[in-house]
Amino acid sequence: MPSNAVLWFFLVIIALGLLVGTLDTVLDSTAKVAPFRILHQTPDSQVYWTIACGANLEEISQHWDWLQKNVIRTLSVFDSGEDITSFVQGKIRGLIAEEGTSAGDEEDPERFREAVLRFERLFGLPQREKLVTYFSCSYWRGRVPNQGWIYLSTNFLCFYSYMLGNEVKLVFPWDEVSRLERTSSVLLAESIRIRVRGEDHFFSMLLRLQQTFLIMQQLADYAIVRFFDKETFHAEHPLADPLHISQRALEVHARNQAFRVFFRLPMEENLCEVYESFLWVPFSHVNTLGKICVSENYLCFASQDGSRCHLIVPLWEVFSVEVPDRCTRALTVCLRGKRALRFSEVRDFERLAATIRRKCGTAGSPQHCASNPVIPPNSSTYSRVILLCSSNKHGLKHDEEGVMVGQSQAVSTEALMNVFHPHDAENLDPKMVQ
């Protein structure tokens, strides 16, 4: 016999008469034994639809909360149970299909090829047009959602839906998109608003809204750059060739760009590896938690515990790497001028040590960035070691601009010189220590 809690939850679902989408994709074998389920029955039907299932009350409650927030408020716009059934069946199929494609086209090329053929057949675009990715979503025409698929290619944003004999087909060139933003309202929990030729279009119920939005932003930005500066774009941009643009390439490019902007590095630097660790800050006498970021020519560190400690080390300044204590997974990076950086609790510290040793032999000279300066010429610290600490409590992800090199809010120059330039500390200009 089911418990009272299960009966109550089940009766609430039946009493509301709601037809909703699924949050999890579950196998048929799992669905048969799952003790908790969310079912729907329209008032004029004897058929029950299994919408979601869970192994315990907490899991099924999470599904229910998600459904209330993202789907239930949408159903009020439909006039009949048949319309609701058709909409949610399409939504369920879309979520299941999207969950299957979440690993990317590299892991399931057959499924992606099917999407490419469908994209070419539906929209009739030139053969050179390359599909980057696609997602299940709803397009809002007035107050009624149309469940379908959004296709993002190198030059176009496309959408297709077919429900109850109603076909919706949209094709928007990226260079005609004048506004792109995330919005929320009473009816829509979260959606993406796109303005084309002065008209707003809303897309919602995206399983990965943030990921979709970032890809849209990149494709729209590239279209504008190509339009206004074709020569520079085709000569210098890493994604200038449309055949090389893919979802994975866009994600890697965005990550590298954010890395360079945050640490103010030259344009040729790319984020190669990331490690979580603690860094010993000598003038504060504390270990600060953060992430080590390694590029072709730089070793960088950004704290994530509120201390706002950031480190930039050119690899040509490193002459040795030591592993003093394997129990604490510690790593000591020795620099020129009898200086050292002490990292501890480094995940995969042996790999990091090997990476730094390998790159130290191939790192460029301090003049390698002279053609692309990002620090004023009179700043000699850029070719040395830069360590910044400020009192701002915001994390790296929340406010990247405030932690740029040269914009720190509380930097002790005297302390830095004593730690990293002990031989020059006595010759400090009085203006430098103010």
Protein backbone atom coordinates (compact mmCIF):
# COMPACT_ATOMS: atom_id res chain seq x y z
CA MET A 1 0.00 0.00 0.00
CA PRO A 2 1.36 3.45 -0.80
CA SER A 3 1.97 5.82 2.06
CA ASN A 4 -0.29 8.75 2.86
CA ALA A 5 2.38 11.17 1.61
CA VAL A 6 2.44 9.42 -1.75
CA LEU A 7 -1.35 9.36 -2.00
CA TRP A 8 -1.53 13.04 -1.06
CA PHE A 9 1.07 14.01 -3.65
CA PHE A 10 -0.60 11.86 -6.25
CA LEU A 11 -4.04 13.30 -5.47
CA VAL A 12 -2.72 16.85 -5.66
CA ILE A 13 -1.42 16.17 -9.16
CA ILE A 14 -4.75 14.63 -10.23
CA ALA A 15 -6.80 17.38 -8.61
CA LEU A 16 -4.92 20.10 -10.40
CA GLY A 17 -5.35 18.31 -13.70
CA LEU A 18 -2.03 19.61 -14.98
CA LEU A 19 -0.19 18.27 -17.97
CA VAL A 20 3.45 19.15 -17.58
CA GLY A 21 6.84 18.37 -19.06
CA THR A 22 9.53 16.17 -17.62
CA LEU A 23 12.66 17.25 -15.81
CA ASP A 24 14.56 13.97 -15.92
CA THR A 25 14.98 11.44 -18.68
CA VAL A 26 14.52 7.98 -17.16
CA LEU A 27 14.88 4.57 -18.70
CA ASP A 28 11.82 2.36 -19.11
CA SER A 29 13.25 -0.21 -16.72
CA THR A 30 13.66 2.46 -14.06
CA ALA A 31 10.20 3.89 -14.57
CA LYS A 32 8.59 0.52 -13.80
CA VAL A 33 10.03 0.36 -10.31
CA ALA A 34 10.16 4.05 -9.34
CA PRO A 35 8.01 4.44 -6.18
CA PHE A 36 7.29 8.15 -6.77
CA ARG A 37 5.72 9.46 -9.94
CA ILE A 38 4.08 12.58 -11.28
CA LEU A 39 1.08 11.65 -13.41
CA HIS A 40 -1.41 13.63 -15.39
CA GLN A 41 -4.91 12.92 -16.52
CA THR A 42 -6.98 15.42 -18.45
CA PRO A 43 -10.54 15.71 -17.09
CA ASP A 44 -12.13 14.15 -20.18
CA SER A 45 -9.69 11.24 -20.56
CA GLN A 46 -8.99 7.97 -18.77
CA VAL A 47 -5.37 7.93 -19.91
CA TYR A 48 -2.63 8.77 -17.42
CA TRP A 49 0.70 10.15 -18.55
CA THR A 50 3.87 9.52 -16.53
CA ILE A 51 5.64 12.84 -16.51
CA ALA A 52 8.46 12.28 -14.02
CA CYS A 53 9.51 9.71 -11.45
CA GLY A 54 11.88 9.57 -8.52
CA ALA A 55 13.40 7.22 -6.00
CA ASN A 56 12.33 9.26 -2.95
CA LEU A 57 10.06 12.09 -1.88
CA GLU A 58 12.84 14.68 -1.98
CA GLU A 59 13.70 13.89 -5.59
CA ILE A 60 10.10 13.97 -6.79
CA SER A 61 9.52 17.21 -4.88
CA GLN A 62 12.41 18.81 -6.75
CA HIS A 63 10.80 17.78 -10.04
CA TRP A 64 7.48 19.21 -8.91
CA ASP A 65 9.04 22.51 -7.86
CA TRP A 66 10.75 22.81 -11.24
CA LEU A 67 7.49 22.07 -13.04
CA GLN A 68 5.61 24.67 -11.03
CA LYS A 69 8.22 27.31 -11.78
CA ASN A 70 8.83 26.62 -15.45
CA VAL A 71 5.82 24.90 -17.00
CA ILE A 72 2.57 25.00 -15.04
CA ARG A 73 1.94 28.72 -15.45
CA THR A 74 2.18 28.28 -19.22
CA LEU A 75 -0.72 25.84 -19.48
CA SER A 76 -3.37 28.45 -18.67
CA VAL A 77 -3.09 29.91 -22.18
CA PHE A 78 -4.59 26.77 -23.75
CA ASP A 79 -8.35 26.44 -24.23
CA SER A 80 -8.72 22.65 -24.43
CA GLY A 81 -7.22 19.49 -23.01
CA GLU A 82 -6.24 18.32 -26.49
CA ASP A 83 -4.11 21.42 -27.02
CA ILE A 84 -2.44 20.87 -23.64
CA THR A 85 -1.79 17.22 -24.45
CA SER A 86 -0.27 18.03 -27.83
CA PHE A 87 1.91 20.76 -26.36
CA VAL A 88 3.30 18.71 -23.50
CA GLN A 89 3.86 15.61 -25.61
CA GLY A 90 5.99 17.73 -27.91
CA LYS A 91 7.77 19.23 -24.92
CA ILE A 92 8.54 15.81 -23.45
CA ARG A 93 9.89 14.49 -26.74
CA GLY A 94 11.98 17.61 -27.15
CA LEU A 95 13.52 17.35 -23.67
CA ILE A 96 14.28 13.66 -24.12
CA ALA A 97 15.86 14.26 -27.50
CA GLU A 98 17.88 17.19 -26.18
CA GLU A 99 19.09 15.16 -23.22
CA GLY A 100 20.33 12.58 -25.69
CA THR A 101 22.27 15.22 -27.61
CA SER A 102 23.78 16.94 -24.56
CA ALA A 103 27.06 15.06 -25.00
CA GLY A 104 27.62 16.90 -28.27
CA ASP A 105 27.90 15.93 -31.90
CA GLU A 106 31.44 14.61 -31.42
CA GLU A 107 30.13 11.80 -29.19
CA ASP A 108 27.02 11.07 -31.28
CA PRO A 109 27.79 12.06 -34.88
CA GLU A 110 24.87 10.05 -36.27
CA ARG A 111 22.29 12.05 -34.32
CA PHE A 112 23.93 15.31 -35.32
CA ARG A 113 23.98 14.28 -38.99
CA GLU A 114 20.25 13.66 -38.77
CA ALA A 115 19.79 17.18 -37.36
CA VAL A 116 21.92 18.62 -40.19
CA LEU A 117 19.79 16.87 -42.82
CA ARG A 118 16.62 18.10 -41.12
CA PHE A 119 18.05 21.63 -40.96
CA GLU A 120 18.92 21.61 -44.67
CA ARG A 121 15.54 20.18 -45.67
CA LEU A 122 13.45 22.58 -43.58
CA PHE A 123 15.14 25.90 -44.34
CA GLY A 124 16.74 25.50 -47.76
CA LEU A 125 19.79 27.62 -46.95
CA PRO A 126 23.00 27.55 -49.03
CA GLN A 127 25.00 24.34 -48.77
CA ARG A 128 27.98 26.16 -47.28
CA GLU A 129 25.84 27.11 -44.24
CA LYS A 130 27.11 25.09 -41.26
CA LEU A 131 24.87 24.04 -38.37
CA VAL A 132 26.60 24.76 -35.06
CA THR A 133 24.06 23.35 -32.59
CA TYR A 134 20.34 22.94 -31.97
CA PHE A 135 18.03 22.92 -28.93
CA SER A 136 14.46 22.12 -28.02
CA CYS A 137 12.48 25.20 -27.01
CA SER A 138 9.17 27.06 -27.26
CA TYR A 139 8.57 30.10 -29.44
CA TRP A 140 5.89 32.50 -28.22
CA ARG A 141 3.50 33.86 -30.80
CA GLY A 142 1.22 36.11 -28.80
CA ARG A 143 0.25 34.26 -25.63
CA VAL A 144 0.49 30.74 -27.05
CA PRO A 145 3.79 28.79 -27.06
CA ASN A 146 4.86 26.76 -30.09
CA GLN A 147 7.02 23.82 -29.10
CA GLY A 148 9.79 23.10 -31.60
CA TRP A 149 13.51 23.25 -32.30
CA ILE A 150 15.86 26.19 -32.61
CA TYR A 151 18.81 25.77 -34.99
CA LEU A 152 21.90 27.98 -34.67
CA SER A 153 24.16 28.14 -37.72
CA THR A 154 27.11 30.33 -38.65
CA ASN A 155 24.94 33.00 -40.29
CA PHE A 156 21.33 32.31 -39.27
CA LEU A 157 19.06 31.66 -36.31
CA CYS A 158 16.26 29.32 -37.37
CA PHE A 159 13.22 27.86 -35.63
CA TYR A 160 10.71 25.23 -36.72
CA SER A 161 7.53 23.98 -35.06
CA TYR A 162 4.56 21.94 -36.23
CA MET A 163 1.63 21.53 -33.81
CA LEU A 164 -2.00 20.68 -34.57
CA GLY A 165 -1.52 21.51 -38.24
CA ASN A 166 0.07 24.88 -37.41
CA GLU A 167 3.54 25.28 -38.90
CA VAL A 168 5.94 27.97 -37.67
CA LYS A 169 9.19 28.57 -39.53
CA LEU A 170 11.59 31.42 -38.73
CA VAL A 171 14.89 32.38 -40.36
CA PHE A 172 16.81 35.37 -38.95
CA PRO A 173 20.27 36.43 -40.21
CA TRP A 174 22.61 37.15 -37.31
CA ASP A 175 23.61 40.52 -38.74
CA GLU A 176 19.96 41.66 -38.49
CA VAL A 177 19.72 40.92 -34.76
CA SER A 178 19.75 44.30 -33.01
CA ARG A 179 19.13 43.09 -29.46
CA LEU A 180 19.71 39.85 -27.57
CA GLU A 181 18.97 39.46 -23.86
CA ARG A 182 17.63 37.18 -21.14
CA THR A 183 14.27 38.17 -19.68
CA SER A 184 11.69 36.91 -17.20
CA SER A 185 8.04 37.72 -16.61
CA VAL A 186 4.97 36.46 -14.78
CA LEU A 187 4.10 34.13 -17.63
CA LEU A 188 7.66 33.16 -18.58
CA ALA A 189 10.08 32.12 -15.84
CA GLU A 190 13.09 32.75 -18.09
CA SER A 191 13.33 33.36 -21.80
CA ILE A 192 15.59 34.78 -24.49
CA ARG A 193 14.36 37.88 -26.28
CA ILE A 194 15.65 38.58 -29.78
CA ARG A 195 14.86 41.78 -31.64
CA VAL A 196 14.97 41.56 -35.43
CA ARG A 197 13.91 44.44 -37.69
CA GLY A 198 12.27 46.17 -34.73
CA GLU A 199 10.17 43.14 -33.71
CA ASP A 200 10.72 41.13 -30.51
CA HIS A 201 10.72 37.33 -30.50
CA PHE A 202 10.71 35.21 -27.33
CA PHE A 203 12.15 31.71 -26.87
CA SER A 204 11.66 29.85 -23.58
CA MET A 205 11.65 26.41 -21.93
CA LEU A 206 15.26 25.82 -22.91
CA LEU A 207 16.85 23.04 -20.90
CA ARG A 208 20.22 24.85 -21.05
CA LEU A 209 19.23 28.47 -21.35
CA GLN A 210 22.57 29.99 -20.30
CA GLN A 211 24.55 27.81 -22.70
CA THR A 212 22.18 28.65 -25.56
CA PHE A 213 22.32 32.36 -24.78
CA LEU A 214 26.12 32.45 -24.77
CA ILE A 215 26.33 30.67 -28.12
CA MET A 216 23.80 33.11 -29.58
CA GLN A 217 25.86 36.03 -28.29
CA GLN A 218 29.04 34.73 -29.87
CA LEU A 219 27.45 34.03 -33.25
CA ALA A 220 25.80 37.46 -33.31
CA ASP A 221 29.08 39.16 -32.34
CA TYR A 222 31.01 37.31 -35.04
CA ALA A 223 28.44 38.34 -37.64
CA ILE A 224 28.88 42.01 -36.73
CA VAL A 225 32.68 41.77 -36.77
CA ARG A 226 32.63 40.03 -40.15
CA PHE A 227 30.30 42.70 -41.50
CA PHE A 228 32.29 45.76 -40.37
CA ASP A 229 35.87 44.48 -40.45
CA LYS A 230 36.13 41.64 -42.94
CA GLU A 231 39.86 41.93 -43.62
CA THR A 232 40.95 41.85 -39.97
CA PHE A 233 38.44 39.16 -39.08
CA HIS A 234 39.48 36.76 -41.83
CA ALA A 235 43.16 37.38 -41.18
CA GLU A 236 43.28 37.15 -37.37
CA HIS A 237 40.15 35.62 -35.87
CA PRO A 238 40.55 31.96 -34.79
CA LEU A 239 37.02 31.18 -35.99
CA ALA A 240 37.27 33.04 -39.29
CA ASP A 241 36.72 29.82 -41.24
CA PRO A 242 33.01 28.85 -40.96
CA LEU A 243 33.94 25.19 -41.35
CA HIS A 244 35.81 25.37 -38.03
CA ILE A 245 32.91 26.85 -36.08
CA SER A 246 31.26 24.30 -33.81
CA GLN A 247 29.67 24.35 -30.38
CA ARG A 248 32.85 23.05 -28.80
CA ALA A 249 34.99 25.60 -30.67
CA LEU A 250 32.73 28.44 -29.50
CA GLU A 251 32.93 27.28 -25.89
CA VAL A 252 36.72 27.00 -26.02
CA HIS A 253 37.06 30.42 -27.65
CA ALA A 254 34.80 32.04 -25.02
CA ARG A 255 36.79 30.43 -22.21
CA ASN A 256 40.11 31.60 -23.66
CA GLN A 257 38.80 35.11 -24.19
CA ALA A 258 37.52 35.36 -20.61
CA PHE A 259 40.87 34.07 -19.34
CA ARG A 260 42.85 36.67 -21.31
CA VAL A 261 40.57 39.52 -20.28
CA PHE A 262 40.65 38.60 -16.60
CA PHE A 263 44.45 38.39 -16.36
CA ARG A 264 45.16 41.01 -19.06
CA LEU A 265 47.28 38.65 -21.14
CA PRO A 266 48.34 38.92 -24.80
CA MET A 267 45.89 37.79 -27.46
CA GLU A 268 47.94 34.71 -28.37
CA GLU A 269 47.57 33.18 -24.89
CA ASN A 270 45.07 30.32 -24.43
CA LEU A 271 43.92 28.56 -21.28
CA CYS A 272 45.53 25.11 -21.33
CA GLU A 273 44.95 23.65 -17.86
CA VAL A 274 43.15 24.54 -14.61
CA TYR A 275 43.93 23.22 -11.12
CA GLU A 276 42.33 23.90 -7.74
CA SER A 277 44.79 24.65 -4.92
CA PHE A 278 45.84 26.89 -2.03
CA LEU A 279 48.46 29.64 -2.41
CA TRP A 280 50.58 30.86 0.51
CA VAL A 281 50.43 34.68 0.65
CA PRO A 282 53.57 35.72 2.61
CA PHE A 283 52.64 39.27 3.65
CA SER A 284 49.18 38.14 4.86
CA HIS A 285 50.42 34.85 6.36
CA VAL A 286 47.42 32.93 5.04
CA ASN A 287 46.67 30.21 2.53
CA THR A 288 44.09 31.41 0.02
CA LEU A 289 41.92 29.01 -1.97
CA GLY A 290 41.75 29.48 -5.71
CA LYS A 291 42.53 28.11 -9.14
CA ILE A 292 45.80 27.83 -11.01
CA CYS A 293 45.46 28.65 -14.71
CA VAL A 294 48.23 27.66 -17.11
CA SER A 295 48.62 29.07 -20.61
CA GLU A 296 51.41 28.77 -23.16
CA ASN A 297 53.63 31.36 -21.45
CA TYR A 298 52.02 32.23 -18.11
CA LEU A 299 51.15 30.69 -14.77
CA CYS A 300 48.21 32.53 -13.18
CA PHE A 301 46.27 32.20 -9.95
CA ALA A 302 42.90 33.67 -8.93
CA SER A 303 41.54 33.29 -5.40
CA GLN A 304 37.96 32.20 -4.83
CA ASP A 305 37.59 32.72 -1.09
CA GLY A 306 36.94 36.46 -1.09
CA SER A 307 40.56 37.53 -0.55
CA ARG A 308 40.89 38.78 -4.13
CA CYS A 309 44.46 37.61 -4.49
CA HIS A 310 45.61 37.26 -8.10
CA LEU A 311 48.96 36.14 -9.41
CA ILE A 312 50.55 36.38 -12.86
CA VAL A 313 53.88 34.61 -13.41
CA PRO A 314 55.64 34.60 -16.80
CA LEU A 315 57.03 31.11 -17.27
CA TRP A 316 60.38 32.49 -18.38
CA GLU A 317 60.80 33.65 -14.75
CA VAL A 318 60.53 30.03 -13.50
CA PHE A 319 63.76 28.05 -13.24
CA SER A 320 62.65 25.00 -11.20
CA VAL A 321 59.64 23.19 -9.77
CA GLU A 322 59.87 21.12 -6.58
CA VAL A 323 57.50 18.70 -4.85
CA PRO A 324 58.49 18.98 -1.16
CA ASP A 325 55.56 17.10 0.39
CA ARG A 326 53.46 14.52 -1.42
CA CYS A 327 51.17 14.05 1.59
CA THR A 328 49.88 17.61 1.34
CA ARG A 329 50.17 17.60 -2.46
CA ALA A 330 52.40 20.66 -2.18
CA LEU A 331 54.26 22.32 -5.02
CA THR A 332 57.00 24.96 -4.89
CA VAL A 333 57.65 27.07 -7.97
CA CYS A 334 61.09 28.69 -7.75
CA LEU A 335 61.57 31.99 -9.56
CA ARG A 336 64.51 34.14 -10.42
CA GLY A 337 65.75 36.50 -7.72
CA LYS A 338 65.52 33.86 -4.96
CA ARG A 339 61.74 33.94 -4.89
CA ALA A 340 59.32 31.05 -4.56
CA LEU A 341 55.59 30.37 -4.75
CA ARG A 342 54.12 27.74 -2.45
CA PHE A 343 51.00 25.88 -3.55
CA SER A 344 49.36 23.16 -1.45
CA GLU A 345 46.49 20.69 -1.82
CA VAL A 346 46.94 20.80 -5.57
CA ARG A 347 44.72 18.36 -7.37
CA ASP A 348 46.85 16.28 -9.72
CA PHE A 349 49.99 18.11 -8.52
CA GLU A 350 52.33 15.74 -10.37
CA ARG A 351 50.72 16.61 -13.69
CA LEU A 352 50.96 20.32 -12.91
CA ALA A 353 54.65 20.00 -12.02
CA ALA A 354 55.33 18.15 -15.26
CA THR A 355 53.40 20.76 -17.25
CA ILE A 356 55.32 23.70 -15.77
CA ARG A 357 58.68 21.97 -16.28
CA ARG A 358 57.82 21.23 -19.89
CA LYS A 359 56.58 24.75 -20.62
CA CYS A 360 59.53 26.44 -18.91
CA GLY A 361 61.76 25.09 -21.64
CA THR A 362 59.52 26.48 -24.40
CA ALA A 363 58.21 29.72 -22.87
CA GLY A 364 58.96 32.84 -24.88
CA SER A 365 61.07 35.76 -23.78
CA PRO A 366 59.64 38.88 -22.12
CA GLN A 367 59.73 40.58 -25.53
CA HIS A 368 57.28 38.10 -27.08
CA CYS A 369 54.35 40.36 -26.23
CA ALA A 370 55.97 43.64 -27.28
CA SER A 371 53.92 43.74 -30.47
CA ASN A 372 50.72 43.35 -28.49
CA PRO A 373 51.15 45.29 -25.23
CA VAL A 374 48.41 45.20 -22.63
CA ILE A 375 50.24 47.05 -19.84
CA PRO A 376 51.67 50.58 -20.13
CA PRO A 377 55.30 50.57 -21.35
CA ASN A 378 56.61 52.07 -18.09
CA SER A 379 55.32 49.09 -16.10
CA SER A 380 58.34 46.84 -15.64
CA THR A 381 56.47 44.43 -13.37
CA TYR A 382 54.74 42.75 -16.27
CA SER A 383 57.91 40.96 -17.29
CA ARG A 384 58.39 39.90 -13.69
CA VAL A 385 55.78 38.65 -11.22
CA ILE A 386 52.54 40.45 -10.47
CA LEU A 387 50.64 39.69 -7.27
CA LEU A 388 47.54 41.71 -6.49
CA CYS A 389 45.34 41.64 -3.41
CA SER A 390 42.33 43.82 -2.74
CA SER A 391 39.68 44.02 -0.05
CA ASN A 392 36.73 43.64 -2.41
CA LYS A 393 34.74 40.53 -1.54
CA HIS A 394 33.30 39.74 -4.95
CA GLY A 395 34.37 36.51 -6.60
CA LEU A 396 36.13 36.03 -9.88
CA LYS A 397 32.98 35.13 -11.80
CA HIS A 398 30.84 37.98 -10.50
CA ASP A 399 33.04 40.95 -11.34
CA GLU A 400 35.87 40.31 -13.75
CA GLU A 401 36.60 43.94 -14.63
CA GLY A 402 37.41 44.94 -11.07
CA VAL A 403 40.35 42.58 -10.81
CA MET A 404 42.27 43.55 -13.91
CA VAL A 405 45.97 44.16 -13.54
CA GLY A 406 46.54 47.79 -12.67
CA GLN A 407 43.02 48.25 -11.24
CA SER A 408 43.41 46.61 -7.84
CA GLN A 409 41.91 48.65 -5.03
CA ALA A 410 44.43 47.96 -2.27
CA VAL A 411 47.93 47.00 -3.34
CA SER A 412 50.82 47.30 -0.91
CA THR A 413 53.75 48.20 -3.16
CA GLU A 414 56.26 48.15 -0.31
CA ALA A 415 55.18 44.69 0.78
CA LEU A 416 55.34 43.41 -2.78
CA MET A 417 58.81 44.82 -3.28
CA ASN A 418 60.05 43.27 -0.03
CA VAL A 419 58.68 39.88 -0.96
CA PHE A 420 59.43 39.73 -4.66
CA HIS A 421 62.23 42.27 -5.14
CA PRO A 422 64.21 42.21 -1.85
CA HIS A 423 67.37 43.60 -3.47
CA ASP A 424 65.54 46.70 -4.74
CA ALA A 425 63.39 47.37 -1.68
CA GLU A 426 65.81 49.89 -0.19
CA ASN A 427 65.81 51.96 -3.38
CA LEU A 428 62.07 52.48 -3.50
CA ASP A 429 60.86 55.83 -4.77
CA PRO A 430 58.82 57.49 -1.95
CA LYS A 431 55.98 58.02 -4.42
CA MET A 432 55.74 54.27 -5.00
CA VAL A 433 54.93 53.44 -1.40
CA GLN A 434 52.14 55.94 -0.96
